């Protein structure tokens, strides 16, 4: 077996697109993904699953219909299943996502911003 740590400083520069999560690891029935975010995303929900956002660089705001949470580097927030939300980053944010395998980034909204799932970096 090949034991190798994932170095975020080396992997984030490999990301070419914003809002296009890439898988860096599998864990049980979940995937760990990294993504660069900047600007506004779309309102969506994940009806049957939670979604964890871990900010590794910059600031990420997650808007809800009744408020918002702002995450700085080294902070995590779990959006509960069924909660409508919309991520926003005023400048490029480096984010790790922990979510069930195959979960679309646009949840129930779908559309052109839906990333291809299971794409490894």
N, C-alpha and C. Protein backbone atom coordinates (compact mmCIF):
# COMPACT_ATOMS: atom_id res chain seq x y z
N UNK A 1 0.85 -1.18 0.00
CA UNK A 1 0.00 0.00 0.00
C UNK A 1 0.89 1.24 0.00
N UNK A 2 0.43 2.27 -0.69
CA UNK A 2 1.16 3.54 -0.77
C UNK A 2 0.59 4.51 0.25
N UNK A 3 1.38 4.85 1.26
CA UNK A 3 0.95 5.79 2.29
C UNK A 3 1.50 7.16 1.95
N UNK A 4 0.59 8.08 1.61
CA UNK A 4 1.02 9.42 1.22
C UNK A 4 0.02 10.44 1.74
N UNK A 5 0.52 11.45 2.40
CA UNK A 5 -0.34 12.52 2.90
C UNK A 5 -0.78 13.42 1.75
N UNK A 6 -1.92 14.05 1.92
CA UNK A 6 -2.41 15.02 0.95
C UNK A 6 -1.96 16.40 1.41
N UNK A 7 -1.23 17.08 0.57
CA UNK A 7 -0.71 18.40 0.89
C UNK A 7 -1.56 19.44 0.17
N UNK A 8 -2.33 20.22 0.94
CA UNK A 8 -3.23 21.19 0.32
C UNK A 8 -2.48 22.28 -0.43
N UNK A 9 -1.34 22.68 0.05
CA UNK A 9 -0.55 23.72 -0.64
C UNK A 9 -0.14 23.25 -2.04
N UNK A 10 0.01 21.94 -2.22
CA UNK A 10 0.36 21.39 -3.53
C UNK A 10 -0.87 21.10 -4.40
N UNK A 11 -2.00 20.77 -3.77
CA UNK A 11 -3.16 20.37 -4.56
C UNK A 11 -4.04 21.54 -5.01
N UNK A 12 -4.18 22.57 -4.20
CA UNK A 12 -5.04 23.69 -4.61
C UNK A 12 -4.59 24.35 -5.92
N UNK A 13 -3.28 24.52 -6.16
CA UNK A 13 -2.87 25.11 -7.45
C UNK A 13 -3.27 24.27 -8.67
N UNK A 14 -3.58 23.00 -8.47
CA UNK A 14 -3.99 22.14 -9.59
C UNK A 14 -5.41 22.41 -10.04
N UNK A 15 -6.19 23.07 -9.20
CA UNK A 15 -7.59 23.37 -9.56
C UNK A 15 -7.63 24.48 -10.59
N UNK A 16 -8.26 24.22 -11.71
CA UNK A 16 -8.33 25.18 -12.80
C UNK A 16 -9.60 26.03 -12.76
N UNK A 17 -10.69 25.49 -12.21
CA UNK A 17 -11.98 26.16 -12.25
C UNK A 17 -12.48 26.48 -10.85
N UNK A 18 -13.26 27.55 -10.76
CA UNK A 18 -13.98 27.88 -9.53
C UNK A 18 -15.25 27.03 -9.47
N UNK A 19 -15.71 26.73 -8.27
CA UNK A 19 -16.97 26.04 -8.05
C UNK A 19 -17.00 24.64 -8.67
N UNK A 20 -15.84 24.02 -8.84
CA UNK A 20 -15.75 22.67 -9.40
C UNK A 20 -14.99 21.78 -8.43
N UNK A 21 -15.68 21.20 -7.44
CA UNK A 21 -15.02 20.37 -6.43
C UNK A 21 -14.30 19.18 -7.06
N UNK A 22 -13.14 18.83 -6.46
CA UNK A 22 -12.36 17.68 -6.90
C UNK A 22 -12.09 16.78 -5.70
N UNK A 23 -12.24 15.50 -5.89
CA UNK A 23 -12.06 14.52 -4.82
C UNK A 23 -10.57 14.35 -4.52
N UNK A 24 -10.23 14.38 -3.23
CA UNK A 24 -8.85 14.10 -2.82
C UNK A 24 -8.75 12.81 -2.00
N UNK A 25 -9.91 12.36 -1.45
CA UNK A 25 -9.89 11.13 -0.65
C UNK A 25 -11.30 10.58 -0.47
N UNK A 26 -11.36 9.27 -0.26
CA UNK A 26 -12.60 8.59 0.11
C UNK A 26 -12.51 8.20 1.57
N UNK A 27 -13.65 8.29 2.26
CA UNK A 27 -13.69 7.87 3.66
C UNK A 27 -15.05 7.24 3.92
N UNK A 28 -15.08 5.94 4.09
CA UNK A 28 -16.33 5.21 4.26
C UNK A 28 -17.25 5.52 3.09
N UNK A 29 -18.44 6.05 3.34
CA UNK A 29 -19.36 6.39 2.26
C UNK A 29 -19.29 7.86 1.89
N UNK A 30 -18.27 8.54 2.35
CA UNK A 30 -18.11 9.97 2.09
C UNK A 30 -16.89 10.24 1.23
N UNK A 31 -16.88 11.44 0.67
CA UNK A 31 -15.71 11.90 -0.07
C UNK A 31 -15.24 13.22 0.52
N UNK A 32 -13.94 13.41 0.45
CA UNK A 32 -13.33 14.67 0.86
C UNK A 32 -12.90 15.35 -0.43
N UNK A 33 -13.40 16.58 -0.61
CA UNK A 33 -13.15 17.31 -1.84
C UNK A 33 -12.53 18.66 -1.52
N UNK A 34 -11.79 19.20 -2.48
CA UNK A 34 -11.31 20.57 -2.36
C UNK A 34 -11.88 21.38 -3.50
N UNK A 35 -12.03 22.68 -3.25
CA UNK A 35 -12.64 23.55 -4.25
C UNK A 35 -12.20 24.98 -4.01
N UNK A 36 -12.06 25.72 -5.09
CA UNK A 36 -11.83 27.16 -5.01
C UNK A 36 -13.17 27.84 -5.26
N UNK A 37 -13.52 28.79 -4.41
CA UNK A 37 -14.79 29.49 -4.53
C UNK A 37 -14.56 30.98 -4.57
N UNK A 38 -15.29 31.67 -5.45
CA UNK A 38 -15.27 33.12 -5.46
C UNK A 38 -16.57 33.61 -6.08
N UNK A 39 -17.17 34.61 -5.45
CA UNK A 39 -18.44 35.14 -5.92
C UNK A 39 -19.60 34.40 -5.30
N UNK A 40 -20.74 34.47 -5.98
CA UNK A 40 -21.99 33.93 -5.49
C UNK A 40 -22.29 32.58 -6.13
N UNK A 41 -22.84 31.67 -5.35
CA UNK A 41 -23.31 30.40 -5.88
C UNK A 41 -24.83 30.49 -6.01
N UNK A 42 -25.51 29.37 -6.10
CA UNK A 42 -26.97 29.36 -6.24
C UNK A 42 -27.62 28.84 -4.97
N UNK A 43 -28.86 29.23 -4.75
CA UNK A 43 -29.62 28.69 -3.64
C UNK A 43 -29.93 27.22 -3.93
N UNK A 44 -29.69 26.37 -2.94
CA UNK A 44 -29.96 24.95 -3.11
C UNK A 44 -30.05 24.26 -1.75
N UNK A 45 -30.46 23.01 -1.78
CA UNK A 45 -30.49 22.21 -0.56
C UNK A 45 -30.11 20.78 -0.90
N UNK A 46 -29.66 20.07 0.11
CA UNK A 46 -29.38 18.64 -0.02
C UNK A 46 -30.39 17.95 0.89
N UNK A 47 -31.43 17.43 0.28
CA UNK A 47 -32.59 16.93 1.00
C UNK A 47 -32.24 15.82 2.00
N UNK A 48 -31.33 14.92 1.61
CA UNK A 48 -31.07 13.73 2.43
C UNK A 48 -29.69 13.68 3.08
N UNK A 49 -28.91 14.77 3.02
CA UNK A 49 -27.57 14.68 3.60
C UNK A 49 -27.06 16.02 4.09
N UNK A 50 -26.20 15.93 5.09
CA UNK A 50 -25.49 17.09 5.60
C UNK A 50 -24.33 17.40 4.66
N UNK A 51 -23.79 18.61 4.77
CA UNK A 51 -22.63 19.01 3.96
C UNK A 51 -21.70 19.83 4.85
N UNK A 52 -20.45 19.39 4.95
CA UNK A 52 -19.47 20.09 5.79
C UNK A 52 -18.55 20.96 4.95
N UNK A 53 -18.39 22.22 5.36
CA UNK A 53 -17.49 23.18 4.73
C UNK A 53 -16.35 23.45 5.72
N UNK A 54 -15.11 23.22 5.29
CA UNK A 54 -13.93 23.54 6.09
C UNK A 54 -13.14 24.57 5.30
N UNK A 55 -13.01 25.77 5.84
CA UNK A 55 -12.29 26.82 5.13
C UNK A 55 -10.81 26.71 5.46
N UNK A 56 -10.00 26.59 4.42
CA UNK A 56 -8.56 26.46 4.58
C UNK A 56 -7.83 27.76 4.25
N UNK A 57 -8.50 28.65 3.52
CA UNK A 57 -7.89 29.94 3.17
C UNK A 57 -8.96 30.94 2.81
N UNK A 58 -8.86 32.16 3.31
CA UNK A 58 -9.76 33.27 3.04
C UNK A 58 -11.01 33.17 3.92
N UNK A 59 -12.13 33.70 3.42
CA UNK A 59 -13.38 33.76 4.17
C UNK A 59 -14.51 33.27 3.28
N UNK A 60 -15.41 32.49 3.86
CA UNK A 60 -16.59 31.99 3.16
C UNK A 60 -17.82 32.33 3.98
N UNK A 61 -18.81 32.89 3.33
CA UNK A 61 -20.09 33.13 3.99
C UNK A 61 -21.10 32.14 3.41
N UNK A 62 -21.88 31.55 4.28
CA UNK A 62 -22.96 30.68 3.83
C UNK A 62 -24.26 31.36 4.22
N UNK A 63 -25.03 31.75 3.21
CA UNK A 63 -26.30 32.42 3.43
C UNK A 63 -27.41 31.40 3.58
N UNK A 64 -28.35 31.72 4.46
CA UNK A 64 -29.56 30.92 4.67
C UNK A 64 -30.75 31.85 4.48
N UNK A 65 -31.90 31.31 4.33
CA UNK A 65 -33.10 32.14 4.14
C UNK A 65 -33.35 33.04 5.35
N UNK A 66 -32.85 32.63 6.52
CA UNK A 66 -33.10 33.40 7.74
C UNK A 66 -31.82 33.88 8.43
N UNK A 67 -30.71 33.96 7.71
CA UNK A 67 -29.46 34.43 8.32
C UNK A 67 -28.26 33.98 7.53
N UNK A 68 -27.10 34.01 8.19
CA UNK A 68 -25.85 33.62 7.52
C UNK A 68 -24.83 33.23 8.58
N UNK A 69 -23.82 32.48 8.14
CA UNK A 69 -22.67 32.18 8.98
C UNK A 69 -21.42 32.52 8.18
N UNK A 70 -20.44 33.15 8.82
CA UNK A 70 -19.19 33.49 8.14
C UNK A 70 -18.08 32.64 8.73
N UNK A 71 -17.34 31.99 7.83
CA UNK A 71 -16.25 31.11 8.25
C UNK A 71 -14.92 31.69 7.81
N UNK A 72 -13.97 31.72 8.72
CA UNK A 72 -12.61 32.13 8.40
C UNK A 72 -11.76 30.88 8.27
N UNK A 73 -10.52 31.05 7.85
CA UNK A 73 -9.60 29.92 7.72
C UNK A 73 -9.55 29.14 9.03
N UNK A 74 -9.53 27.83 8.89
CA UNK A 74 -9.44 26.88 9.99
C UNK A 74 -10.75 26.73 10.75
N UNK A 75 -11.87 27.11 10.11
CA UNK A 75 -13.18 26.91 10.73
C UNK A 75 -14.02 25.96 9.88
N UNK A 76 -14.94 25.26 10.54
CA UNK A 76 -15.81 24.30 9.89
C UNK A 76 -17.26 24.61 10.24
N UNK A 77 -18.15 24.34 9.29
CA UNK A 77 -19.58 24.45 9.55
C UNK A 77 -20.27 23.32 8.78
N UNK A 78 -21.23 22.69 9.43
CA UNK A 78 -22.01 21.64 8.79
C UNK A 78 -23.41 22.17 8.51
N UNK A 79 -23.78 22.20 7.23
CA UNK A 79 -25.13 22.59 6.84
C UNK A 79 -26.01 21.35 7.00
N UNK A 80 -27.04 21.44 7.86
CA UNK A 80 -27.90 20.28 8.06
C UNK A 80 -28.69 19.93 6.80
N UNK A 81 -28.99 18.65 6.66
CA UNK A 81 -29.78 18.21 5.50
C UNK A 81 -31.10 18.97 5.45
N UNK A 82 -31.51 19.28 4.22
CA UNK A 82 -32.78 19.94 4.01
C UNK A 82 -32.78 21.45 4.21
N UNK A 83 -31.64 22.04 4.58
CA UNK A 83 -31.58 23.48 4.81
C UNK A 83 -31.12 24.18 3.52
N UNK A 84 -31.94 25.10 3.03
CA UNK A 84 -31.60 25.86 1.82
C UNK A 84 -30.46 26.82 2.16
N UNK A 85 -29.43 26.82 1.30
CA UNK A 85 -28.26 27.65 1.55
C UNK A 85 -27.62 28.09 0.24
N UNK A 86 -26.71 29.09 0.38
CA UNK A 86 -26.00 29.62 -0.79
C UNK A 86 -24.64 30.12 -0.33
N UNK A 87 -23.56 29.45 -0.72
CA UNK A 87 -22.22 29.92 -0.37
C UNK A 87 -21.86 31.19 -1.15
N UNK A 88 -21.02 32.02 -0.53
CA UNK A 88 -20.52 33.24 -1.15
C UNK A 88 -19.12 33.52 -0.64
N UNK A 89 -18.22 33.91 -1.57
CA UNK A 89 -16.86 34.31 -1.19
C UNK A 89 -16.53 35.62 -1.90
N UNK A 90 -16.24 36.65 -1.13
CA UNK A 90 -15.90 37.96 -1.69
C UNK A 90 -14.59 37.95 -2.46
N UNK A 91 -13.67 37.10 -2.03
CA UNK A 91 -12.43 36.85 -2.77
C UNK A 91 -12.19 35.35 -2.70
N UNK A 92 -11.29 34.87 -3.52
CA UNK A 92 -11.12 33.42 -3.64
C UNK A 92 -10.90 32.75 -2.28
N UNK A 93 -11.73 31.77 -2.00
CA UNK A 93 -11.63 30.97 -0.77
C UNK A 93 -11.22 29.55 -1.14
N UNK A 94 -10.38 28.97 -0.33
CA UNK A 94 -9.96 27.58 -0.50
C UNK A 94 -10.72 26.76 0.53
N UNK A 95 -11.49 25.81 0.04
CA UNK A 95 -12.43 25.10 0.91
C UNK A 95 -12.31 23.59 0.72
N UNK A 96 -12.43 22.87 1.84
CA UNK A 96 -12.54 21.42 1.81
C UNK A 96 -14.00 21.08 2.12
N UNK A 97 -14.57 20.18 1.35
CA UNK A 97 -15.93 19.70 1.56
C UNK A 97 -15.89 18.25 1.99
N UNK A 98 -16.74 17.90 2.93
CA UNK A 98 -16.89 16.50 3.33
C UNK A 98 -18.37 16.19 3.15
N UNK A 99 -18.64 15.25 2.24
CA UNK A 99 -20.03 14.97 1.90
C UNK A 99 -20.16 13.55 1.36
N UNK A 100 -21.39 13.04 1.34
CA UNK A 100 -21.59 11.68 0.82
C UNK A 100 -21.15 11.56 -0.64
N UNK A 101 -20.63 10.41 -0.99
CA UNK A 101 -20.21 10.13 -2.36
C UNK A 101 -21.36 10.39 -3.32
N UNK A 102 -21.07 11.13 -4.40
CA UNK A 102 -22.06 11.38 -5.43
C UNK A 102 -23.00 12.54 -5.18
N UNK A 103 -22.84 13.25 -4.06
CA UNK A 103 -23.73 14.37 -3.75
C UNK A 103 -23.47 15.52 -4.73
N UNK A 104 -24.50 15.95 -5.48
CA UNK A 104 -24.28 17.07 -6.42
C UNK A 104 -24.08 18.38 -5.66
N UNK A 105 -23.16 19.19 -6.12
CA UNK A 105 -22.87 20.46 -5.44
C UNK A 105 -24.05 21.44 -5.50
N UNK A 106 -24.95 21.26 -6.44
CA UNK A 106 -26.12 22.13 -6.56
C UNK A 106 -27.36 21.51 -5.92
N UNK A 107 -27.21 20.39 -5.26
CA UNK A 107 -28.32 19.76 -4.57
C UNK A 107 -29.54 19.59 -5.43
N UNK A 108 -30.68 20.00 -4.88
CA UNK A 108 -31.96 19.85 -5.58
C UNK A 108 -32.15 20.85 -6.71
N UNK A 109 -31.29 21.89 -6.79
CA UNK A 109 -31.45 22.93 -7.81
C UNK A 109 -30.98 22.47 -9.18
N UNK A 110 -29.94 21.63 -9.24
CA UNK A 110 -29.41 21.19 -10.53
C UNK A 110 -28.90 22.36 -11.35
N UNK A 111 -28.93 22.23 -12.67
CA UNK A 111 -28.55 23.33 -13.55
C UNK A 111 -27.11 23.29 -14.02
N UNK A 112 -26.73 24.33 -14.74
CA UNK A 112 -25.42 24.39 -15.40
C UNK A 112 -24.24 24.46 -14.44
N UNK A 113 -24.45 24.83 -13.19
CA UNK A 113 -23.34 24.91 -12.24
C UNK A 113 -23.09 23.60 -11.52
N UNK A 114 -23.82 22.56 -11.89
CA UNK A 114 -23.61 21.25 -11.28
C UNK A 114 -22.27 20.69 -11.74
N UNK A 115 -21.41 20.39 -10.78
CA UNK A 115 -20.09 19.84 -11.08
C UNK A 115 -20.20 18.35 -11.38
N UNK A 116 -19.26 17.85 -12.15
CA UNK A 116 -19.19 16.41 -12.39
C UNK A 116 -18.68 15.75 -11.12
N UNK A 117 -19.45 14.79 -10.61
CA UNK A 117 -19.05 14.12 -9.37
C UNK A 117 -17.94 13.12 -9.60
N UNK A 118 -17.25 12.82 -8.53
CA UNK A 118 -16.22 11.78 -8.50
C UNK A 118 -15.03 12.09 -9.40
N UNK A 119 -14.75 13.36 -9.66
CA UNK A 119 -13.55 13.72 -10.42
C UNK A 119 -12.42 13.93 -9.42
N UNK A 120 -11.38 13.13 -9.57
CA UNK A 120 -10.23 13.19 -8.66
C UNK A 120 -9.24 14.24 -9.16
N UNK A 121 -8.55 14.81 -8.23
CA UNK A 121 -7.51 15.79 -8.57
C UNK A 121 -6.28 15.04 -9.03
